[in-house]
């Protein structure tokens, strides 16, 4: 596949997202930047969390950005893959636990 809906060059345009709505764009980036400041969690921990979430929401731009951020903040490949596996386990578990809803409905209909 030569063409892709996602163009990696578009990630660099993220800062332009406020062009059509500057006030809300500025508010978002103020919030976004504050979220990633050091706090009770280190910048490295936040980057790994973001990497895991990026995989869960399947955002290729976020995966690229937080792979790079995780590496820059000192995470190694094993830690990054572990974070992806945590995301996988939570996403898989969330799918499976909804099976309880199906089971409850089946039992109600069977009665």
N, C-alpha and C. Protein backbone atom coordinates (compact mmCIF):
# COMPACT_ATOMS: atom_id res chain seq x y z
N UNK A 1 0.84 -1.16 0.00
CA UNK A 1 0.00 0.00 0.00
C UNK A 1 0.90 1.24 0.00
N UNK A 2 0.82 2.01 -1.04
CA UNK A 2 1.68 3.18 -1.15
C UNK A 2 1.12 4.37 -0.38
N UNK A 3 -0.16 4.56 -0.45
CA UNK A 3 -0.78 5.69 0.22
C UNK A 3 -1.46 5.23 1.50
N UNK A 4 -1.42 6.09 2.47
CA UNK A 4 -2.04 5.79 3.75
C UNK A 4 -2.87 7.00 4.16
N UNK A 5 -3.96 6.74 4.84
CA UNK A 5 -4.78 7.82 5.37
C UNK A 5 -3.97 8.66 6.33
N UNK A 6 -3.13 8.01 7.11
CA UNK A 6 -2.28 8.70 8.07
C UNK A 6 -0.95 9.05 7.42
N UNK A 7 -0.62 10.31 7.46
CA UNK A 7 0.66 10.78 6.94
C UNK A 7 1.50 11.21 8.14
N UNK A 8 2.61 10.56 8.36
CA UNK A 8 3.43 10.85 9.53
C UNK A 8 3.84 12.32 9.60
N UNK A 9 3.89 12.99 8.46
CA UNK A 9 4.24 14.42 8.45
C UNK A 9 3.14 15.26 9.12
N UNK A 10 1.93 14.73 9.18
CA UNK A 10 0.83 15.48 9.80
C UNK A 10 1.01 15.65 11.30
N UNK A 11 1.75 14.78 11.93
CA UNK A 11 1.99 14.91 13.37
C UNK A 11 2.61 16.27 13.70
N UNK A 12 3.48 16.74 12.84
CA UNK A 12 4.12 18.04 13.06
C UNK A 12 3.12 19.19 12.97
N UNK A 13 1.95 18.94 12.41
CA UNK A 13 0.92 19.97 12.27
C UNK A 13 -0.03 20.01 13.47
N UNK A 14 0.21 19.17 14.46
CA UNK A 14 -0.68 19.11 15.62
C UNK A 14 -0.83 20.48 16.29
N UNK A 15 0.23 21.23 16.35
CA UNK A 15 0.19 22.56 16.95
C UNK A 15 -0.72 23.53 16.22
N UNK A 16 -1.06 23.19 14.98
CA UNK A 16 -1.94 24.05 14.18
C UNK A 16 -3.42 23.76 14.42
N UNK A 17 -3.73 22.81 15.29
CA UNK A 17 -5.11 22.37 15.48
C UNK A 17 -6.00 23.52 15.95
N UNK A 18 -5.41 24.54 16.55
CA UNK A 18 -6.18 25.68 17.01
C UNK A 18 -6.44 26.74 15.95
N UNK A 19 -5.95 26.54 14.74
CA UNK A 19 -6.11 27.56 13.70
C UNK A 19 -7.57 27.94 13.46
N UNK A 20 -8.47 26.99 13.49
CA UNK A 20 -9.87 27.29 13.22
C UNK A 20 -10.62 27.72 14.47
N UNK A 21 -10.03 27.48 15.64
CA UNK A 21 -10.65 27.87 16.91
C UNK A 21 -9.53 28.15 17.91
N UNK A 22 -8.91 29.34 17.79
CA UNK A 22 -7.72 29.66 18.59
C UNK A 22 -7.94 29.62 20.10
N UNK A 23 -9.05 30.10 20.57
CA UNK A 23 -9.27 30.16 22.02
C UNK A 23 -9.30 28.75 22.61
N UNK A 24 -10.08 27.87 22.01
CA UNK A 24 -10.15 26.49 22.52
C UNK A 24 -8.84 25.75 22.29
N UNK A 25 -8.18 26.02 21.16
CA UNK A 25 -6.88 25.40 20.91
C UNK A 25 -5.88 25.76 21.98
N UNK A 26 -5.85 27.04 22.35
CA UNK A 26 -4.92 27.48 23.40
C UNK A 26 -5.26 26.84 24.74
N UNK A 27 -6.53 26.76 25.05
CA UNK A 27 -6.94 26.13 26.32
C UNK A 27 -6.53 24.65 26.34
N UNK A 28 -6.75 23.97 25.21
CA UNK A 28 -6.36 22.57 25.15
C UNK A 28 -4.86 22.41 25.37
N UNK A 29 -4.03 23.18 24.66
CA UNK A 29 -2.59 23.02 24.78
C UNK A 29 -2.07 23.44 26.14
N UNK A 30 -2.70 24.43 26.77
CA UNK A 30 -2.32 24.77 28.14
C UNK A 30 -2.53 23.57 29.06
N UNK A 31 -3.71 22.96 28.92
CA UNK A 31 -4.04 21.77 29.72
C UNK A 31 -3.09 20.62 29.38
N UNK A 32 -2.95 20.33 28.11
CA UNK A 32 -2.12 19.23 27.62
C UNK A 32 -0.70 19.35 28.16
N UNK A 33 -0.13 20.53 28.04
CA UNK A 33 1.25 20.73 28.50
C UNK A 33 1.36 20.59 30.02
N UNK A 34 0.35 21.05 30.74
CA UNK A 34 0.38 20.93 32.20
C UNK A 34 0.28 19.47 32.62
N UNK A 35 -0.53 18.70 31.91
CA UNK A 35 -0.68 17.27 32.23
C UNK A 35 0.66 16.56 32.17
N UNK A 36 1.51 16.91 31.23
CA UNK A 36 2.76 16.19 31.03
C UNK A 36 3.93 16.76 31.83
N UNK A 37 3.66 17.78 32.66
CA UNK A 37 4.71 18.28 33.55
C UNK A 37 4.96 17.26 34.66
N UNK A 38 6.17 17.27 35.19
CA UNK A 38 6.50 16.40 36.32
C UNK A 38 5.55 16.70 37.47
N UNK A 39 5.09 15.66 38.11
CA UNK A 39 4.22 15.79 39.28
C UNK A 39 4.48 14.58 40.16
N UNK A 40 3.42 13.98 40.63
CA UNK A 40 3.57 12.73 41.39
C UNK A 40 4.10 11.63 40.49
N UNK A 41 3.81 11.73 39.20
CA UNK A 41 4.37 10.81 38.21
C UNK A 41 5.52 11.50 37.50
N UNK A 42 6.53 10.73 37.16
CA UNK A 42 7.65 11.29 36.40
C UNK A 42 7.23 11.49 34.95
N UNK A 43 8.00 12.28 34.24
CA UNK A 43 7.74 12.48 32.81
C UNK A 43 7.85 11.15 32.06
N UNK A 44 8.77 10.29 32.49
CA UNK A 44 8.93 8.96 31.87
C UNK A 44 7.70 8.11 32.08
N UNK A 45 7.18 8.11 33.31
CA UNK A 45 5.97 7.33 33.59
C UNK A 45 4.79 7.84 32.78
N UNK A 46 4.67 9.15 32.67
CA UNK A 46 3.57 9.73 31.89
C UNK A 46 3.70 9.38 30.42
N UNK A 47 4.92 9.38 29.90
CA UNK A 47 5.14 9.01 28.50
C UNK A 47 4.76 7.55 28.26
N UNK A 48 5.09 6.67 29.21
CA UNK A 48 4.72 5.25 29.07
C UNK A 48 3.21 5.06 29.15
N UNK A 49 2.56 5.80 30.03
CA UNK A 49 1.09 5.73 30.11
C UNK A 49 0.50 6.19 28.78
N UNK A 50 1.01 7.31 28.27
CA UNK A 50 0.51 7.83 27.00
C UNK A 50 0.74 6.84 25.86
N UNK A 51 1.88 6.16 25.89
CA UNK A 51 2.16 5.16 24.87
C UNK A 51 1.15 4.01 24.93
N UNK A 52 0.85 3.56 26.13
CA UNK A 52 -0.14 2.49 26.29
C UNK A 52 -1.52 2.93 25.82
N UNK A 53 -1.92 4.13 26.21
CA UNK A 53 -3.22 4.66 25.79
C UNK A 53 -3.25 4.83 24.27
N UNK A 54 -2.15 5.30 23.69
CA UNK A 54 -2.08 5.47 22.24
C UNK A 54 -2.38 4.17 21.51
N UNK A 55 -1.87 3.08 22.05
CA UNK A 55 -2.15 1.78 21.44
C UNK A 55 -3.61 1.38 21.64
N UNK A 56 -4.15 1.71 22.79
CA UNK A 56 -5.55 1.36 23.06
C UNK A 56 -6.50 2.10 22.14
N UNK A 57 -6.23 3.38 21.92
CA UNK A 57 -7.11 4.17 21.03
C UNK A 57 -6.66 4.05 19.57
N UNK A 58 -5.58 3.35 19.34
CA UNK A 58 -5.04 3.05 18.02
C UNK A 58 -4.79 4.30 17.18
N UNK A 59 -4.11 5.26 17.80
CA UNK A 59 -3.76 6.51 17.11
C UNK A 59 -2.31 6.43 16.62
N UNK A 60 -2.08 6.29 15.32
CA UNK A 60 -0.71 6.16 14.84
C UNK A 60 0.14 7.39 15.13
N UNK A 61 -0.49 8.57 15.13
CA UNK A 61 0.27 9.78 15.45
C UNK A 61 0.75 9.72 16.90
N UNK A 62 -0.15 9.32 17.80
CA UNK A 62 0.20 9.23 19.22
C UNK A 62 1.23 8.13 19.47
N UNK A 63 1.10 7.02 18.76
CA UNK A 63 2.08 5.94 18.91
C UNK A 63 3.46 6.45 18.53
N UNK A 64 3.55 7.16 17.40
CA UNK A 64 4.84 7.73 16.99
C UNK A 64 5.35 8.71 18.04
N UNK A 65 4.48 9.64 18.45
CA UNK A 65 4.90 10.69 19.38
C UNK A 65 5.36 10.12 20.72
N UNK A 66 4.61 9.16 21.25
CA UNK A 66 4.94 8.67 22.60
C UNK A 66 5.96 7.55 22.59
N UNK A 67 6.20 6.93 21.44
CA UNK A 67 7.37 6.06 21.31
C UNK A 67 8.61 6.92 21.44
N UNK A 68 8.63 8.01 20.69
CA UNK A 68 9.77 8.92 20.74
C UNK A 68 9.92 9.55 22.13
N UNK A 69 8.80 10.00 22.71
CA UNK A 69 8.86 10.62 24.04
C UNK A 69 9.35 9.63 25.10
N UNK A 70 8.88 8.40 25.01
CA UNK A 70 9.31 7.38 25.98
C UNK A 70 10.81 7.15 25.90
N UNK A 71 11.32 7.04 24.69
CA UNK A 71 12.76 6.85 24.50
C UNK A 71 13.53 8.06 25.02
N UNK A 72 13.05 9.26 24.67
CA UNK A 72 13.73 10.48 25.12
C UNK A 72 13.75 10.61 26.64
N UNK A 73 12.72 10.07 27.30
CA UNK A 73 12.61 10.19 28.75
C UNK A 73 13.29 9.03 29.47
N UNK A 74 13.96 8.14 28.71
CA UNK A 74 14.77 7.10 29.32
C UNK A 74 14.15 5.72 29.40
N UNK A 75 12.98 5.52 28.81
CA UNK A 75 12.39 4.18 28.80
C UNK A 75 13.14 3.32 27.79
N UNK A 76 13.16 2.02 28.06
CA UNK A 76 13.80 1.12 27.10
C UNK A 76 12.72 0.32 26.37
N UNK A 77 13.14 -0.45 25.39
CA UNK A 77 12.20 -1.20 24.54
C UNK A 77 11.36 -2.18 25.35
N UNK A 78 11.96 -2.82 26.33
CA UNK A 78 11.23 -3.79 27.15
C UNK A 78 10.15 -3.10 27.97
N UNK A 79 10.48 -1.97 28.55
CA UNK A 79 9.48 -1.22 29.33
C UNK A 79 8.34 -0.74 28.43
N UNK A 80 8.69 -0.29 27.25
CA UNK A 80 7.66 0.19 26.33
C UNK A 80 6.73 -0.95 25.91
N UNK A 81 7.30 -2.11 25.61
CA UNK A 81 6.47 -3.25 25.21
C UNK A 81 5.62 -3.73 26.38
N UNK A 82 6.16 -3.66 27.59
CA UNK A 82 5.39 -4.03 28.76
C UNK A 82 4.17 -3.11 28.90
N UNK A 83 4.37 -1.83 28.66
CA UNK A 83 3.26 -0.87 28.72
C UNK A 83 2.20 -1.22 27.67
N UNK A 84 2.63 -1.61 26.49
CA UNK A 84 1.69 -2.01 25.43
C UNK A 84 0.92 -3.27 25.86
N UNK A 85 1.60 -4.20 26.52
CA UNK A 85 0.92 -5.41 27.00
C UNK A 85 -0.09 -5.09 28.10
N UNK A 86 0.23 -4.12 28.95
CA UNK A 86 -0.74 -3.70 29.96
C UNK A 86 -1.99 -3.16 29.27
N UNK A 87 -1.80 -2.33 28.25
CA UNK A 87 -2.94 -1.79 27.50
C UNK A 87 -3.75 -2.92 26.87
N UNK A 88 -3.07 -3.90 26.32
CA UNK A 88 -3.73 -5.05 25.70
C UNK A 88 -4.55 -5.83 26.71
N UNK A 89 -3.98 -6.06 27.88
CA UNK A 89 -4.69 -6.81 28.92
C UNK A 89 -5.95 -6.08 29.37
N UNK A 90 -5.84 -4.76 29.55
CA UNK A 90 -7.00 -3.99 29.98
C UNK A 90 -8.06 -3.97 28.89
N UNK A 91 -7.64 -3.75 27.66
CA UNK A 91 -8.61 -3.73 26.56
C UNK A 91 -9.27 -5.09 26.38
N UNK A 92 -8.49 -6.15 26.45
CA UNK A 92 -9.05 -7.50 26.33
C UNK A 92 -9.98 -7.82 27.48
N UNK A 93 -9.57 -7.45 28.69
CA UNK A 93 -10.41 -7.68 29.85
C UNK A 93 -11.72 -6.91 29.77
N UNK A 94 -11.65 -5.68 29.27
CA UNK A 94 -12.87 -4.88 29.13
C UNK A 94 -13.83 -5.52 28.14
N UNK A 95 -13.30 -6.12 27.09
CA UNK A 95 -14.15 -6.83 26.14
C UNK A 95 -14.78 -8.05 26.80
N UNK A 96 -13.97 -8.82 27.50
CA UNK A 96 -14.47 -10.05 28.13
C UNK A 96 -15.49 -9.77 29.23
N UNK A 97 -15.26 -8.74 30.04
CA UNK A 97 -16.18 -8.48 31.14
C UNK A 97 -17.56 -8.09 30.61
N UNK A 98 -17.63 -7.54 29.40
CA UNK A 98 -18.93 -7.26 28.81
C UNK A 98 -19.66 -8.54 28.43
N UNK A 99 -18.94 -9.64 28.43
CA UNK A 99 -19.58 -10.94 28.23
C UNK A 99 -20.57 -11.26 29.34
N UNK A 100 -20.34 -10.68 30.52
CA UNK A 100 -21.28 -10.86 31.63
C UNK A 100 -22.64 -10.27 31.25
N UNK A 101 -22.63 -9.14 30.57
CA UNK A 101 -23.89 -8.54 30.12
C UNK A 101 -24.63 -9.50 29.18
N UNK A 102 -23.90 -10.09 28.25
CA UNK A 102 -24.49 -11.06 27.34
C UNK A 102 -25.03 -12.26 28.10
N UNK A 103 -24.26 -12.74 29.08
CA UNK A 103 -24.69 -13.90 29.86
C UNK A 103 -25.96 -13.58 30.65
N UNK A 104 -26.00 -12.37 31.26
CA UNK A 104 -27.20 -11.97 32.01
C UNK A 104 -28.41 -11.90 31.09
N UNK A 105 -28.25 -11.31 29.92
CA UNK A 105 -29.35 -11.19 28.96
C UNK A 105 -29.81 -12.56 28.50
N UNK A 106 -28.86 -13.45 28.22
CA UNK A 106 -29.21 -14.80 27.77
C UNK A 106 -30.00 -15.53 28.84
N UNK A 107 -29.56 -15.39 30.10
CA UNK A 107 -30.28 -16.04 31.20
C UNK A 107 -31.68 -15.49 31.36
N UNK A 108 -31.85 -14.16 31.21
CA UNK A 108 -33.19 -13.56 31.31
C UNK A 108 -34.09 -14.06 30.19
N UNK A 109 -33.55 -14.14 28.98
CA UNK A 109 -34.35 -14.57 27.84
C UNK A 109 -34.69 -16.06 27.91
N UNK A 110 -33.82 -16.81 28.53
CA UNK A 110 -34.02 -18.25 28.65
C UNK A 110 -35.05 -18.63 29.69
N UNK A 111 -35.39 -17.70 30.55
CA UNK A 111 -36.34 -18.01 31.63
C UNK A 111 -37.77 -17.85 31.19
